[in-house]
Amino acid sequence: MTVEVPHAILPARQALDATALAQIFTQARTHSHFEDREVPEALLKRAVEFAELGPTSMNALPGRIVFVRSKAAKEILKPALMGGNVDKTMAAPVTAIIAHDVAFYEDLAKNAPFAPGAREWFAHDAAKAEGFASMNSSLFGAYFILALRSLGLDAGPMGGFDQAKTDEAFFAGTTWKSNFLINIGYGTGKGIFPRLPRYSFDEMAKIV
């Protein structure tokens, strides 16, 4: 009897071509200036769907995201921004708050059914839950940047903001906490300098 394996779970057949790799990695840059052009909601939703497919420990999926797009919402975020990030964030078509739910463990029975009892590993240790959620939401945020690039959008991730003020403004009364911000749109290329140094493989990696 032959068992048919769905194509979706087969190993990749070939590497991405140079054009695709350039869009996602080699030519992609961090953008601070964007065209005065609306980002379709459908693309934001698709990027989230792509990013959520990336692996997180135990499939815990603690990453959360809020898209700050309206002028009113931008004004709420503005007081939390450090000086150098104010103008570019207020002008960006969308700013994503990458966050995490520190009570992610309440969904582990659903998201990690292979690990019965996993909720108890975190439910009584707030520091452990926070560290786990933060690490995995950082993964989600990185996947999300790549997803944006793959859909033809540009990203400007940044950490220059007051997390406590952001949490109070957007997540009061919830178990969500902010991690970092990403400005999103169609980059103009303005203000982009030559790429800064990167380590060679031998300087930052080894195979043992």
N, C-alpha and C. Protein backbone atom coordinates (compact mmCIF):
# COMPACT_ATOMS: atom_id res chain seq x y z
N MET A 1 0.85 -1.20 0.00
CA MET A 1 0.00 0.00 0.00
C MET A 1 0.88 1.25 0.00
N THR A 2 0.60 2.18 -0.88
CA THR A 2 1.37 3.42 -0.98
C THR A 2 0.70 4.51 -0.16
N VAL A 3 1.46 5.14 0.68
CA VAL A 3 0.94 6.24 1.49
C VAL A 3 1.30 7.55 0.82
N GLU A 4 0.30 8.33 0.51
CA GLU A 4 0.52 9.62 -0.13
C GLU A 4 0.90 10.66 0.93
N VAL A 5 2.04 11.30 0.74
CA VAL A 5 2.48 12.34 1.66
C VAL A 5 2.11 13.69 1.08
N PRO A 6 1.33 14.51 1.80
CA PRO A 6 0.95 15.82 1.27
C PRO A 6 2.18 16.62 0.88
N HIS A 7 2.09 17.28 -0.26
CA HIS A 7 3.24 18.04 -0.76
C HIS A 7 3.69 19.10 0.26
N ALA A 8 2.72 19.62 1.00
CA ALA A 8 3.03 20.72 1.93
C ALA A 8 4.03 20.31 3.01
N ILE A 9 4.15 19.00 3.30
CA ILE A 9 5.07 18.62 4.36
C ILE A 9 6.31 17.91 3.81
N LEU A 10 6.47 17.91 2.49
CA LEU A 10 7.68 17.34 1.91
C LEU A 10 8.84 18.32 2.07
N PRO A 11 10.07 17.83 2.14
CA PRO A 11 11.23 18.73 2.19
C PRO A 11 11.27 19.63 0.96
N ALA A 12 11.84 20.81 1.12
CA ALA A 12 11.96 21.74 -0.01
C ALA A 12 12.75 21.08 -1.13
N ARG A 13 12.33 21.31 -2.36
CA ARG A 13 12.98 20.67 -3.51
C ARG A 13 14.21 21.42 -3.96
N GLN A 14 14.21 22.74 -3.80
CA GLN A 14 15.34 23.52 -4.27
C GLN A 14 15.41 24.83 -3.50
N ALA A 15 16.57 25.45 -3.56
CA ALA A 15 16.75 26.72 -2.87
C ALA A 15 16.01 27.83 -3.61
N LEU A 16 15.69 28.89 -2.90
CA LEU A 16 15.11 30.06 -3.54
C LEU A 16 16.10 30.64 -4.55
N ASP A 17 15.58 31.26 -5.59
CA ASP A 17 16.49 31.85 -6.57
C ASP A 17 17.07 33.15 -6.04
N ALA A 18 18.04 33.69 -6.75
CA ALA A 18 18.77 34.87 -6.28
C ALA A 18 17.87 36.07 -6.08
N THR A 19 16.85 36.21 -6.92
CA THR A 19 15.94 37.35 -6.80
C THR A 19 15.16 37.29 -5.50
N ALA A 20 14.66 36.11 -5.18
CA ALA A 20 13.90 35.95 -3.94
C ALA A 20 14.79 36.16 -2.72
N LEU A 21 15.99 35.61 -2.77
CA LEU A 21 16.92 35.77 -1.65
C LEU A 21 17.32 37.23 -1.46
N ALA A 22 17.47 37.95 -2.57
CA ALA A 22 17.82 39.36 -2.48
C ALA A 22 16.70 40.15 -1.81
N GLN A 23 15.46 39.84 -2.17
CA GLN A 23 14.32 40.57 -1.60
C GLN A 23 14.19 40.33 -0.10
N ILE A 24 14.52 39.13 0.33
CA ILE A 24 14.34 38.79 1.74
C ILE A 24 15.58 39.05 2.57
N PHE A 25 16.77 38.84 1.97
CA PHE A 25 18.01 38.90 2.74
C PHE A 25 19.06 39.86 2.19
N THR A 26 19.64 39.51 1.05
CA THR A 26 20.90 40.16 0.66
C THR A 26 20.75 41.63 0.28
N GLN A 27 19.62 42.02 -0.30
CA GLN A 27 19.41 43.41 -0.67
C GLN A 27 18.42 44.12 0.26
N ALA A 28 17.77 43.38 1.13
CA ALA A 28 16.79 43.98 2.04
C ALA A 28 17.50 44.84 3.08
N ARG A 29 16.88 45.96 3.42
CA ARG A 29 17.47 46.87 4.39
C ARG A 29 16.42 47.34 5.39
N THR A 30 16.89 47.91 6.48
CA THR A 30 16.01 48.54 7.45
C THR A 30 15.62 49.91 6.94
N HIS A 31 14.33 50.19 6.89
CA HIS A 31 13.84 51.46 6.34
C HIS A 31 13.29 52.37 7.43
N SER A 32 13.57 53.67 7.25
CA SER A 32 13.05 54.69 8.16
C SER A 32 12.08 55.63 7.47
N HIS A 33 12.07 55.62 6.14
CA HIS A 33 11.20 56.50 5.37
C HIS A 33 10.37 55.66 4.40
N PHE A 34 9.08 55.98 4.35
CA PHE A 34 8.16 55.19 3.55
C PHE A 34 7.33 56.07 2.63
N GLU A 35 6.89 55.49 1.53
CA GLU A 35 6.00 56.19 0.63
C GLU A 35 4.68 56.50 1.34
N ASP A 36 4.03 57.58 0.91
CA ASP A 36 2.71 57.93 1.43
C ASP A 36 1.70 57.04 0.71
N ARG A 37 1.68 55.80 1.11
CA ARG A 37 0.93 54.76 0.42
C ARG A 37 0.38 53.77 1.44
N GLU A 38 -0.90 53.51 1.37
CA GLU A 38 -1.54 52.63 2.34
C GLU A 38 -1.06 51.20 2.20
N VAL A 39 -0.87 50.54 3.32
CA VAL A 39 -0.53 49.12 3.33
C VAL A 39 -1.83 48.33 3.43
N PRO A 40 -2.13 47.49 2.45
CA PRO A 40 -3.39 46.75 2.50
C PRO A 40 -3.49 45.86 3.74
N GLU A 41 -4.64 45.87 4.34
CA GLU A 41 -4.87 45.04 5.52
C GLU A 41 -4.66 43.56 5.20
N ALA A 42 -5.00 43.17 3.98
CA ALA A 42 -4.84 41.77 3.59
C ALA A 42 -3.39 41.33 3.65
N LEU A 43 -2.45 42.24 3.32
CA LEU A 43 -1.03 41.89 3.38
C LEU A 43 -0.57 41.73 4.82
N LEU A 44 -1.07 42.58 5.71
CA LEU A 44 -0.71 42.46 7.12
C LEU A 44 -1.20 41.12 7.68
N LYS A 45 -2.42 40.76 7.32
CA LYS A 45 -2.96 39.49 7.79
C LYS A 45 -2.16 38.32 7.23
N ARG A 46 -1.79 38.42 5.95
CA ARG A 46 -1.03 37.33 5.33
C ARG A 46 0.33 37.20 5.99
N ALA A 47 0.97 38.33 6.30
CA ALA A 47 2.29 38.29 6.94
C ALA A 47 2.21 37.62 8.31
N VAL A 48 1.14 37.88 9.04
CA VAL A 48 0.96 37.24 10.34
C VAL A 48 0.78 35.74 10.15
N GLU A 49 0.00 35.35 9.15
CA GLU A 49 -0.22 33.93 8.89
C GLU A 49 1.09 33.22 8.55
N PHE A 50 1.93 33.87 7.75
CA PHE A 50 3.23 33.30 7.42
C PHE A 50 4.11 33.19 8.67
N ALA A 51 4.19 34.28 9.43
CA ALA A 51 5.07 34.32 10.59
C ALA A 51 4.68 33.28 11.63
N GLU A 52 3.40 33.04 11.76
CA GLU A 52 2.93 32.09 12.77
C GLU A 52 3.31 30.66 12.44
N LEU A 53 3.70 30.41 11.18
CA LEU A 53 4.14 29.08 10.79
C LEU A 53 5.56 28.77 11.25
N GLY A 54 6.32 29.82 11.61
CA GLY A 54 7.67 29.61 12.09
C GLY A 54 7.67 28.88 13.42
N PRO A 55 8.70 28.08 13.69
CA PRO A 55 8.71 27.30 14.93
C PRO A 55 8.91 28.15 16.18
N THR A 56 8.17 27.81 17.21
CA THR A 56 8.41 28.33 18.55
C THR A 56 8.49 27.12 19.48
N SER A 57 9.19 27.29 20.59
CA SER A 57 9.39 26.18 21.51
C SER A 57 8.05 25.61 21.95
N MET A 58 7.89 24.30 21.80
CA MET A 58 6.67 23.59 22.19
C MET A 58 5.44 24.06 21.41
N ASN A 59 5.63 24.79 20.33
CA ASN A 59 4.50 25.38 19.61
C ASN A 59 3.66 26.25 20.55
N ALA A 60 4.34 26.93 21.47
CA ALA A 60 3.63 27.70 22.49
C ALA A 60 2.94 28.94 21.92
N LEU A 61 3.49 29.51 20.83
CA LEU A 61 2.86 30.64 20.14
C LEU A 61 2.52 31.81 21.07
N PRO A 62 3.48 32.31 21.85
CA PRO A 62 3.18 33.42 22.74
C PRO A 62 3.18 34.78 22.05
N GLY A 63 3.62 34.84 20.79
CA GLY A 63 3.71 36.12 20.08
C GLY A 63 2.34 36.74 19.86
N ARG A 64 2.27 38.04 20.04
CA ARG A 64 1.05 38.80 19.78
C ARG A 64 1.45 40.06 19.01
N ILE A 65 0.50 40.69 18.35
CA ILE A 65 0.84 41.85 17.55
C ILE A 65 -0.34 42.81 17.50
N VAL A 66 -0.04 44.09 17.60
CA VAL A 66 -1.03 45.14 17.43
C VAL A 66 -0.53 46.07 16.33
N PHE A 67 -1.38 46.33 15.34
CA PHE A 67 -1.02 47.23 14.26
C PHE A 67 -1.56 48.62 14.57
N VAL A 68 -0.65 49.56 14.74
CA VAL A 68 -1.02 50.94 15.04
C VAL A 68 -1.02 51.70 13.72
N ARG A 69 -2.22 52.00 13.23
CA ARG A 69 -2.32 52.58 11.90
C ARG A 69 -3.05 53.92 11.88
N SER A 70 -4.09 54.06 12.67
CA SER A 70 -4.86 55.31 12.64
C SER A 70 -4.08 56.45 13.28
N LYS A 71 -4.43 57.66 12.92
CA LYS A 71 -3.77 58.84 13.50
C LYS A 71 -3.98 58.88 15.01
N ALA A 72 -5.18 58.52 15.45
CA ALA A 72 -5.49 58.55 16.89
C ALA A 72 -4.62 57.55 17.64
N ALA A 73 -4.45 56.36 17.07
CA ALA A 73 -3.64 55.35 17.73
C ALA A 73 -2.17 55.74 17.74
N LYS A 74 -1.70 56.38 16.66
CA LYS A 74 -0.31 56.85 16.63
C LYS A 74 -0.07 57.89 17.73
N GLU A 75 -1.05 58.74 17.98
CA GLU A 75 -0.90 59.75 19.03
C GLU A 75 -0.81 59.11 20.41
N ILE A 76 -1.48 57.98 20.57
CA ILE A 76 -1.39 57.26 21.85
C ILE A 76 0.00 56.65 22.02
N LEU A 77 0.57 56.16 20.91
CA LEU A 77 1.90 55.55 20.97
C LEU A 77 3.01 56.60 21.11
N LYS A 78 2.79 57.78 20.59
CA LYS A 78 3.84 58.81 20.49
C LYS A 78 4.57 59.08 21.80
N PRO A 79 3.89 59.24 22.95
CA PRO A 79 4.62 59.55 24.19
C PRO A 79 5.60 58.45 24.63
N ALA A 80 5.44 57.25 24.11
CA ALA A 80 6.32 56.15 24.50
C ALA A 80 7.57 56.08 23.63
N LEU A 81 7.62 56.86 22.56
CA LEU A 81 8.73 56.78 21.62
C LEU A 81 9.90 57.64 22.06
N MET A 82 11.11 57.14 21.89
CA MET A 82 12.30 57.96 22.12
C MET A 82 12.43 58.97 20.99
N GLY A 83 13.09 60.08 21.29
CA GLY A 83 13.13 61.22 20.38
C GLY A 83 13.42 60.90 18.93
N GLY A 84 14.46 60.09 18.68
CA GLY A 84 14.86 59.80 17.32
C GLY A 84 13.89 58.94 16.55
N ASN A 85 12.93 58.36 17.25
CA ASN A 85 11.98 57.47 16.58
C ASN A 85 10.61 58.10 16.38
N VAL A 86 10.43 59.31 16.85
CA VAL A 86 9.09 59.92 16.81
C VAL A 86 8.65 60.22 15.38
N ASP A 87 9.43 61.04 14.66
CA ASP A 87 8.99 61.49 13.34
C ASP A 87 8.78 60.33 12.37
N LYS A 88 9.73 59.39 12.35
CA LYS A 88 9.61 58.30 11.37
C LYS A 88 8.46 57.36 11.71
N THR A 89 8.17 57.22 13.01
CA THR A 89 7.05 56.36 13.39
C THR A 89 5.71 57.03 13.10
N MET A 90 5.62 58.31 13.37
CA MET A 90 4.38 59.02 13.10
C MET A 90 4.08 59.08 11.60
N ALA A 91 5.14 59.05 10.79
CA ALA A 91 4.95 59.13 9.34
C ALA A 91 4.76 57.77 8.68
N ALA A 92 5.16 56.71 9.35
CA ALA A 92 5.05 55.37 8.76
C ALA A 92 3.59 54.99 8.58
N PRO A 93 3.25 54.31 7.50
CA PRO A 93 1.87 53.90 7.29
C PRO A 93 1.32 53.02 8.41
N VAL A 94 2.16 52.14 8.95
CA VAL A 94 1.75 51.23 10.01
C VAL A 94 2.93 51.01 10.96
N THR A 95 2.64 50.92 12.23
CA THR A 95 3.64 50.50 13.21
C THR A 95 3.10 49.27 13.93
N ALA A 96 3.88 48.20 13.90
CA ALA A 96 3.47 46.98 14.60
C ALA A 96 4.12 46.93 15.97
N ILE A 97 3.34 46.68 16.98
CA ILE A 97 3.88 46.39 18.31
C ILE A 97 3.98 44.88 18.43
N ILE A 98 5.21 44.38 18.41
CA ILE A 98 5.43 42.95 18.62
C ILE A 98 5.40 42.71 20.13
N ALA A 99 4.53 41.83 20.55
CA ALA A 99 4.32 41.62 21.98
C ALA A 99 4.26 40.12 22.28
N HIS A 100 4.08 39.81 23.54
CA HIS A 100 3.92 38.41 23.94
C HIS A 100 2.91 38.33 25.08
N ASP A 101 2.26 37.20 25.15
CA ASP A 101 1.29 36.94 26.21
C ASP A 101 1.99 36.11 27.28
N VAL A 102 2.15 36.69 28.45
CA VAL A 102 2.85 35.97 29.51
C VAL A 102 2.00 34.84 30.09
N ALA A 103 0.73 34.80 29.71
CA ALA A 103 -0.14 33.70 30.14
C ALA A 103 -0.36 32.72 28.99
N PHE A 104 0.60 32.63 28.09
CA PHE A 104 0.53 31.72 26.95
C PHE A 104 0.24 30.28 27.38
N TYR A 105 0.69 29.94 28.59
CA TYR A 105 0.59 28.56 29.07
C TYR A 105 -0.87 28.10 29.21
N GLU A 106 -1.80 29.05 29.26
CA GLU A 106 -3.20 28.66 29.37
C GLU A 106 -3.69 27.95 28.10
N ASP A 107 -2.97 28.12 27.00
CA ASP A 107 -3.36 27.48 25.74
C ASP A 107 -2.49 26.28 25.39
N LEU A 108 -1.61 25.88 26.28
CA LEU A 108 -0.69 24.79 25.94
C LEU A 108 -1.41 23.46 25.72
N ALA A 109 -2.51 23.25 26.41
CA ALA A 109 -3.24 22.00 26.20
C ALA A 109 -3.70 21.88 24.75
N LYS A 110 -4.02 23.02 24.14
CA LYS A 110 -4.43 23.04 22.73
C LYS A 110 -3.24 23.07 21.79
N ASN A 111 -2.28 23.95 22.08
CA ASN A 111 -1.16 24.16 21.16
C ASN A 111 -0.06 23.12 21.28
N ALA A 112 0.06 22.50 22.44
CA ALA A 112 1.09 21.47 22.66
C ALA A 112 0.47 20.23 23.29
N PRO A 113 -0.46 19.59 22.59
CA PRO A 113 -1.15 18.42 23.17
C PRO A 113 -0.22 17.24 23.43
N PHE A 114 0.97 17.30 22.83
CA PHE A 114 1.95 16.23 23.03
C PHE A 114 2.63 16.33 24.39
N ALA A 115 2.39 17.43 25.12
CA ALA A 115 3.05 17.64 26.41
C ALA A 115 2.01 17.88 27.49
N PRO A 116 1.27 16.86 27.87
CA PRO A 116 0.25 17.04 28.91
C PRO A 116 0.87 17.51 30.22
N GLY A 117 0.20 18.45 30.84
CA GLY A 117 0.71 18.98 32.09
C GLY A 117 1.71 20.11 31.92
N ALA A 118 2.00 20.51 30.67
CA ALA A 118 3.01 21.55 30.45
C ALA A 118 2.60 22.90 31.05
N ARG A 119 1.31 23.13 31.19
CA ARG A 119 0.86 24.38 31.80
C ARG A 119 1.52 24.59 33.15
N GLU A 120 1.65 23.54 33.92
CA GLU A 120 2.18 23.67 35.28
C GLU A 120 3.66 24.02 35.31
N TRP A 121 4.35 23.86 34.19
CA TRP A 121 5.77 24.22 34.14
C TRP A 121 5.95 25.74 34.25
N PHE A 122 4.90 26.49 33.88
CA PHE A 122 5.01 27.95 33.82
C PHE A 122 4.02 28.68 34.73
N ALA A 123 2.90 28.06 35.02
CA ALA A 123 1.81 28.76 35.68
C ALA A 123 2.17 29.32 37.05
N HIS A 124 3.16 28.72 37.71
CA HIS A 124 3.51 29.15 39.06
C HIS A 124 4.92 29.76 39.13
N ASP A 125 5.44 30.15 37.95
CA ASP A 125 6.78 30.74 37.88
C ASP A 125 6.75 31.88 36.88
N ALA A 126 6.40 33.07 37.36
CA ALA A 126 6.21 34.22 36.47
C ALA A 126 7.47 34.58 35.70
N ALA A 127 8.64 34.49 36.34
CA ALA A 127 9.89 34.84 35.67
C ALA A 127 10.19 33.86 34.54
N LYS A 128 9.95 32.59 34.79
CA LYS A 128 10.17 31.59 33.75
C LYS A 128 9.22 31.80 32.58
N ALA A 129 7.96 32.09 32.87
CA ALA A 129 6.97 32.32 31.82
C ALA A 129 7.32 33.56 31.01
N GLU A 130 7.75 34.62 31.69
CA GLU A 130 8.11 35.87 30.99
C GLU A 130 9.31 35.65 30.08
N GLY A 131 10.34 34.98 30.57
CA GLY A 131 11.52 34.74 29.75
C GLY A 131 11.21 33.88 28.53
N PHE A 132 10.42 32.86 28.74
CA PHE A 132 10.04 31.96 27.65
C PHE A 132 9.21 32.70 26.61
N ALA A 133 8.24 33.48 27.07
CA ALA A 133 7.37 34.21 26.15
C ALA A 133 8.13 35.27 25.37
N SER A 134 9.04 35.98 26.05
CA SER A 134 9.82 37.01 25.38
C SER A 134 10.72 36.43 24.30
N MET A 135 11.40 35.33 24.62
CA MET A 135 12.28 34.70 23.64
C MET A 135 11.51 34.26 22.41
N ASN A 136 10.37 33.65 22.62
CA ASN A 136 9.63 33.12 21.49
C ASN A 136 8.88 34.20 20.72
N SER A 137 8.51 35.30 21.37
CA SER A 137 7.90 36.39 20.62
C SER A 137 8.96 37.12 19.79
N SER A 138 10.21 37.10 20.25
CA SER A 138 11.29 37.65 19.43
C SER A 138 11.46 36.83 18.16
N LEU A 139 11.36 35.51 18.28
CA LEU A 139 11.38 34.65 17.10
C LEU A 139 10.24 35.02 16.17
N PHE A 140 9.04 35.15 16.72
CA PHE A 140 7.88 35.51 15.92
C PHE A 140 8.11 36.83 15.20
N GLY A 141 8.67 37.81 15.90
CA GLY A 141 8.92 39.11 15.28
C GLY A 141 9.91 39.02 14.13
N ALA A 142 10.93 38.18 14.28
CA ALA A 142 11.90 37.99 13.21
C ALA A 142 11.25 37.32 12.00
N TYR A 143 10.44 36.29 12.26
CA TYR A 143 9.72 35.65 11.16
C TYR A 143 8.81 36.67 10.46
N PHE A 144 8.21 37.54 11.25
CA PHE A 144 7.28 38.52 10.70
C PHE A 144 7.99 39.50 9.76
N ILE A 145 9.19 39.92 10.13
CA ILE A 145 9.96 40.81 9.25
C ILE A 145 10.23 40.13 7.91
N LEU A 146 10.64 38.88 7.95
CA LEU A 146 10.90 38.14 6.70
C LEU A 146 9.62 37.96 5.90
N ALA A 147 8.51 37.73 6.60
CA ALA A 147 7.22 37.59 5.92
C ALA A 147 6.85 38.90 5.21
N LEU A 148 7.04 40.02 5.89
CA LEU A 148 6.76 41.32 5.26
C LEU A 148 7.58 41.49 3.99
N ARG A 149 8.86 41.20 4.07
CA ARG A 149 9.73 41.34 2.91
C ARG A 149 9.29 40.43 1.78
N SER A 150 8.88 39.22 2.11
CA SER A 150 8.47 38.28 1.07
C SER A 150 7.22 38.75 0.35
N LEU A 151 6.43 39.61 0.99
CA LEU A 151 5.20 40.12 0.40
C LEU A 151 5.38 41.48 -0.25
N GLY A 152 6.63 41.93 -0.36
CA GLY A 152 6.91 43.18 -1.04
C GLY A 152 6.86 44.42 -0.17
N LEU A 153 6.81 44.23 1.12
CA LEU A 153 6.81 45.35 2.06
C LEU A 153 8.19 45.54 2.67
N ASP A 154 8.41 46.71 3.24
CA ASP A 154 9.67 47.00 3.92
C ASP A 154 9.41 47.20 5.40
N ALA A 155 10.44 46.98 6.21
CA ALA A 155 10.30 47.03 7.66
C ALA A 155 11.40 47.86 8.29
N GLY A 156 11.04 48.52 9.38
CA GLY A 156 12.01 49.28 10.17
C GLY A 156 11.87 48.90 11.63
N PRO A 157 12.45 47.78 12.05
CA PRO A 157 12.35 47.36 13.45
C PRO A 157 13.14 48.29 14.36
N MET A 158 12.67 48.47 15.58
CA MET A 158 13.36 49.36 16.51
C MET A 158 12.99 49.03 17.94
N GLY A 159 13.91 49.37 18.84
CA GLY A 159 13.68 49.13 20.25
C GLY A 159 13.66 50.39 21.07
N GLY A 160 13.74 51.55 20.43
CA GLY A 160 13.81 52.82 21.14
C GLY A 160 12.44 53.32 21.58
N PHE A 161 11.88 52.69 22.61
CA PHE A 161 10.57 53.10 23.12
C PHE A 161 10.44 52.65 24.57
N ASP A 162 9.51 53.24 25.27
CA ASP A 162 9.26 52.92 26.67
C ASP A 162 8.24 51.80 26.73
N GLN A 163 8.69 50.62 27.13
CA GLN A 163 7.80 49.46 27.15
C GLN A 163 6.68 49.63 28.17
N ALA A 164 7.00 50.19 29.33
CA ALA A 164 5.98 50.34 30.37
C ALA A 164 4.86 51.26 29.90
N LYS A 165 5.22 52.37 29.26
CA LYS A 165 4.20 53.30 28.74
C LYS A 165 3.38 52.64 27.65
N THR A 166 4.04 51.88 26.79
CA THR A 166 3.34 51.20 25.71
C THR A 166 2.36 50.17 26.26
N ASP A 167 2.81 49.41 27.26
CA ASP A 167 1.94 48.41 27.86
C ASP A 167 0.73 49.05 28.53
N GLU A 168 0.96 50.17 29.18
CA GLU A 168 -0.14 50.86 29.85
C GLU A 168 -1.14 51.39 28.82
N ALA A 169 -0.62 51.89 27.71
CA ALA A 169 -1.49 52.50 26.70
C ALA A 169 -2.28 51.47 25.90
N PHE A 170 -1.64 50.33 25.61
CA PHE A 170 -2.26 49.37 24.70
C PHE A 170 -2.68 48.04 25.34
N PHE A 171 -2.06 47.68 26.45
CA PHE A 171 -2.30 46.35 27.01
C PHE A 171 -2.78 46.36 28.45
N ALA A 172 -3.21 47.52 28.94
CA ALA A 172 -3.67 47.58 30.33
C ALA A 172 -4.80 46.59 30.57
N GLY A 173 -4.72 45.86 31.67
CA GLY A 173 -5.75 44.90 32.00
C GLY A 173 -5.64 43.57 31.28
N THR A 174 -4.53 43.39 30.53
CA THR A 174 -4.32 42.13 29.82
C THR A 174 -3.03 41.48 30.32
N THR A 175 -2.72 40.32 29.76
CA THR A 175 -1.47 39.63 30.09
C THR A 175 -0.45 39.79 28.96
N TRP A 176 -0.66 40.77 28.08
CA TRP A 176 0.27 41.03 26.98
C TRP A 176 1.32 42.04 27.42
N LYS A 177 2.53 41.88 26.89
CA LYS A 177 3.62 42.83 27.13
C LYS A 177 4.36 43.10 25.83
N SER A 178 4.77 44.34 25.63
CA SER A 178 5.46 44.71 24.39
C SER A 178 6.89 44.20 24.39
N ASN A 179 7.39 43.95 23.18
CA ASN A 179 8.76 43.48 22.98
C ASN A 179 9.55 44.48 22.15
N PHE A 180 9.13 44.70 20.91
CA PHE A 180 9.76 45.73 20.08
C PHE A 180 8.77 46.23 19.05
N LEU A 181 9.16 47.26 18.31
CA LEU A 181 8.29 47.89 17.32
C LEU A 181 8.84 47.66 15.91
N ILE A 182 7.94 47.68 14.93
CA ILE A 182 8.35 47.60 13.53
C ILE A 182 7.52 48.59 12.73
N ASN A 183 8.17 49.56 12.11
CA ASN A 183 7.48 50.42 11.15
C ASN A 183 7.38 49.67 9.83
N ILE A 184 6.24 49.80 9.17
CA ILE A 184 5.94 49.00 7.98
C ILE A 184 5.42 49.88 6.85
N GLY A 185 5.87 49.60 5.65
CA GLY A 185 5.35 50.30 4.49
C GLY A 185 6.16 49.95 3.25
N TYR A 186 6.11 50.85 2.29
CA TYR A 186 6.89 50.71 1.07
C TYR A 186 8.04 51.71 1.15
N GLY A 187 9.23 51.22 1.42
CA GLY A 187 10.36 52.10 1.67
C GLY A 187 10.75 52.95 0.47
N THR A 188 11.16 54.19 0.77
CA THR A 188 11.61 55.09 -0.29
C THR A 188 13.09 54.92 -0.60
N GLY A 189 13.82 54.33 0.34
CA GLY A 189 15.27 54.22 0.19
C GLY A 189 16.01 55.44 0.72
N LYS A 190 15.27 56.47 1.12
CA LYS A 190 15.89 57.69 1.64
C LYS A 190 16.63 57.40 2.95
N GLY A 191 17.84 57.96 3.06
CA GLY A 191 18.59 57.87 4.29
C GLY A 191 19.25 56.54 4.55
N ILE A 192 19.24 55.64 3.59
CA ILE A 192 19.88 54.35 3.78
C ILE A 192 21.36 54.46 3.43
N PHE A 193 22.21 54.12 4.36
CA PHE A 193 23.65 54.18 4.15
C PHE A 193 24.16 52.84 3.63
N PRO A 194 25.40 52.82 3.14
CA PRO A 194 25.98 51.53 2.76
C PRO A 194 25.87 50.56 3.93
N ARG A 195 25.72 49.28 3.61
CA ARG A 195 25.53 48.29 4.67
C ARG A 195 26.71 48.29 5.63
N LEU A 196 26.42 48.28 6.90
CA LEU A 196 27.46 48.28 7.92
C LEU A 196 28.12 46.91 8.00
N PRO A 197 29.25 46.83 8.70
CA PRO A 197 30.02 45.57 8.73
C PRO A 197 29.22 44.40 9.26
N ARG A 198 29.54 43.24 8.74
CA ARG A 198 29.03 41.98 9.26
C ARG A 198 30.24 41.07 9.50
N TYR A 199 30.10 40.14 10.43
CA TYR A 199 31.19 39.20 10.69
C TYR A 199 31.31 38.19 9.56
N SER A 200 32.51 37.72 9.35
CA SER A 200 32.70 36.57 8.47
C SER A 200 32.23 35.33 9.22
N PHE A 201 32.02 34.25 8.49
CA PHE A 201 31.59 33.02 9.13
C PHE A 201 32.55 32.60 10.23
N ASP A 202 33.87 32.65 9.94
CA ASP A 202 34.86 32.18 10.90
C ASP A 202 34.94 33.04 12.15
N GLU A 203 34.49 34.30 12.05
CA GLU A 203 34.53 35.19 13.20
C GLU A 203 33.38 34.95 14.17
N MET A 204 32.27 34.41 13.66
CA MET A 204 31.09 34.32 14.54
C MET A 204 30.42 32.94 14.55
N ALA A 205 31.06 31.98 13.90
CA ALA A 205 30.46 30.65 13.87
C ALA A 205 31.52 29.58 13.77
N LYS A 206 31.16 28.38 14.16
CA LYS A 206 32.06 27.24 13.99
C LYS A 206 31.24 25.98 13.83
N ILE A 207 31.79 25.03 13.18
CA ILE A 207 31.15 23.72 13.03
C ILE A 207 31.99 22.73 13.82
N VAL A 208 31.39 22.05 14.76
CA VAL A 208 32.17 21.13 15.62
C VAL A 208 31.66 19.70 15.45
